[in-house]
Protein backbone atom coordinates (compact mmCIF):
# COMPACT_ATOMS: atom_id res chain seq x y z
CA MET A 1 14.40 41.05 3.15
CA PRO A 2 11.61 42.42 5.56
CA THR A 3 12.32 42.47 9.20
CA LEU A 4 10.13 40.79 11.57
CA GLY A 5 8.29 43.22 13.76
CA LEU A 6 6.46 42.90 17.07
CA PRO A 7 3.14 41.81 15.54
CA GLU A 8 4.89 39.17 13.25
CA ILE A 9 6.72 37.63 16.12
CA ILE A 10 3.41 37.45 18.35
CA PHE A 11 1.51 35.93 15.25
CA ILE A 12 4.16 33.25 15.06
CA VAL A 13 4.14 32.47 18.72
CA LEU A 14 0.32 32.15 18.65
CA ILE A 15 0.39 29.63 15.72
CA VAL A 16 2.97 27.59 17.34
CA VAL A 17 1.00 27.47 20.67
CA LEU A 18 -1.92 26.58 18.82
CA LEU A 19 -0.32 23.78 16.74
CA PHE A 20 1.67 22.12 19.52
CA GLY A 21 -0.47 23.00 22.57
CA ALA A 22 0.49 24.72 25.81
CA LYS A 23 1.11 21.40 27.69
CA ARG A 24 3.77 20.13 25.34
CA LEU A 25 5.76 23.33 24.80
CA PRO A 26 7.77 23.22 28.00
CA ASP A 27 8.57 19.69 27.64
CA ALA A 28 9.74 20.61 24.10
CA ALA A 29 11.82 23.54 25.24
CA ARG A 30 13.40 21.36 27.98
CA SER A 31 14.48 18.69 25.53
CA LEU A 32 15.70 21.28 23.14
CA GLY A 33 17.65 22.78 26.06
CA ARG A 34 19.24 19.44 26.82
CA SER A 35 20.18 18.70 23.23
CA LEU A 36 22.00 21.91 23.07
CA ARG A 37 23.74 21.35 26.20
CA ILE A 38 24.98 18.00 24.97
CA PHE A 39 25.85 19.31 21.71
CA LYS A 40 27.94 22.36 23.05
CA SER A 41 29.79 19.83 25.33
CA GLU A 42 30.60 17.46 22.39
CA VAL A 43 32.04 20.32 20.40
CA LYS A 44 33.92 21.52 23.25
CA GLU A 45 35.55 18.12 23.86
CA LEU A 46 36.05 17.66 19.99
CA SER A 47 38.33 20.97 19.98
CA ASN A 48 40.20 19.71 23.01
CA ASP A 49 40.99 16.41 21.22
CA ASP A 50 42.22 18.11 18.17
CA ALA A 51 44.90 19.93 20.15
CA PRO A 52 48.22 18.09 19.76
CA GLN A 53 49.20 16.01 23.07
CA ALA A 54 52.83 15.47 23.94
CA THR A 55 52.73 11.57 24.14
CA PRO A 56 55.96 9.64 24.59
CA ILE A 57 56.81 7.42 21.83
CA GLN A 58 56.74 3.69 22.80
CA GLN A 59 59.51 1.55 21.98
CA PRO A 60 58.65 -2.02 20.86
CA THR A 61 59.22 -4.41 23.71
CA ALA A 62 60.46 -7.34 21.45
CA VAL A 63 62.34 -7.11 18.31
CA GLN A 64 61.26 -9.58 15.81
CA GLN A 65 64.03 -11.20 13.64
CA PRO A 66 63.43 -11.51 9.91
CA THR A 67 62.26 -15.01 8.79
CA ALA A 68 64.26 -16.65 6.02
CA VAL A 69 62.47 -16.75 2.64
CA GLN A 70 61.92 -20.18 1.28
CA GLN A 71 62.93 -20.65 -2.05
CA THR A 72 61.27 -23.17 -4.45
CA PRO A 73 63.36 -25.57 -6.49
CA PRO A 74 63.55 -24.81 -10.16
CA VAL A 75 61.19 -26.80 -12.38
CA VAL A 76 62.80 -29.38 -14.52
CA ASN A 77 61.21 -30.52 -17.70
CA PRO A 78 61.06 -34.37 -17.94
CA ASN A 79 61.19 -34.12 -21.72
CA PRO A 80 63.89 -31.71 -22.73
CA VAL A 81 63.77 -30.50 -26.37
CA ASP A 82 67.11 -30.43 -28.29
CA PRO A 83 67.11 -27.11 -30.31
CA THR A 84 69.29 -28.61 -32.87
CA GLN A 85 66.84 -31.34 -33.36
CA GLN A 86 64.24 -30.76 -36.21
CA PRO A 87 60.69 -31.78 -35.11
CA PRO A 88 59.44 -35.17 -36.67
CA ASN A 89 57.39 -34.96 -40.00
CA THR A 90 53.75 -35.31 -39.08
CA GLN A 91 52.27 -34.73 -42.53
CA GLN A 92 50.79 -37.98 -44.10
CA PRO A 93 51.66 -38.65 -47.69
CA GLN A 94 48.91 -37.53 -50.12
């Protein structure tokens, strides 16, 4: 990969000045600096948050008693079927 020399850097700066204008470049540089500063502080804060902190374990203030499980009554079939009884003959004579 070719290296950038002084003439190439001057050419790139000249193109940037022509594209964006001399008036807008200081504002753009200022906002870029602010953004980088905010980004740097957020990264530092994240790295501080990732560090383990010794926090005391909080004990529950009230112990909940287990609730009784309500059981449903068994279903009773109103027409019980006697297993020894044969089903009625439902065929009609031919």
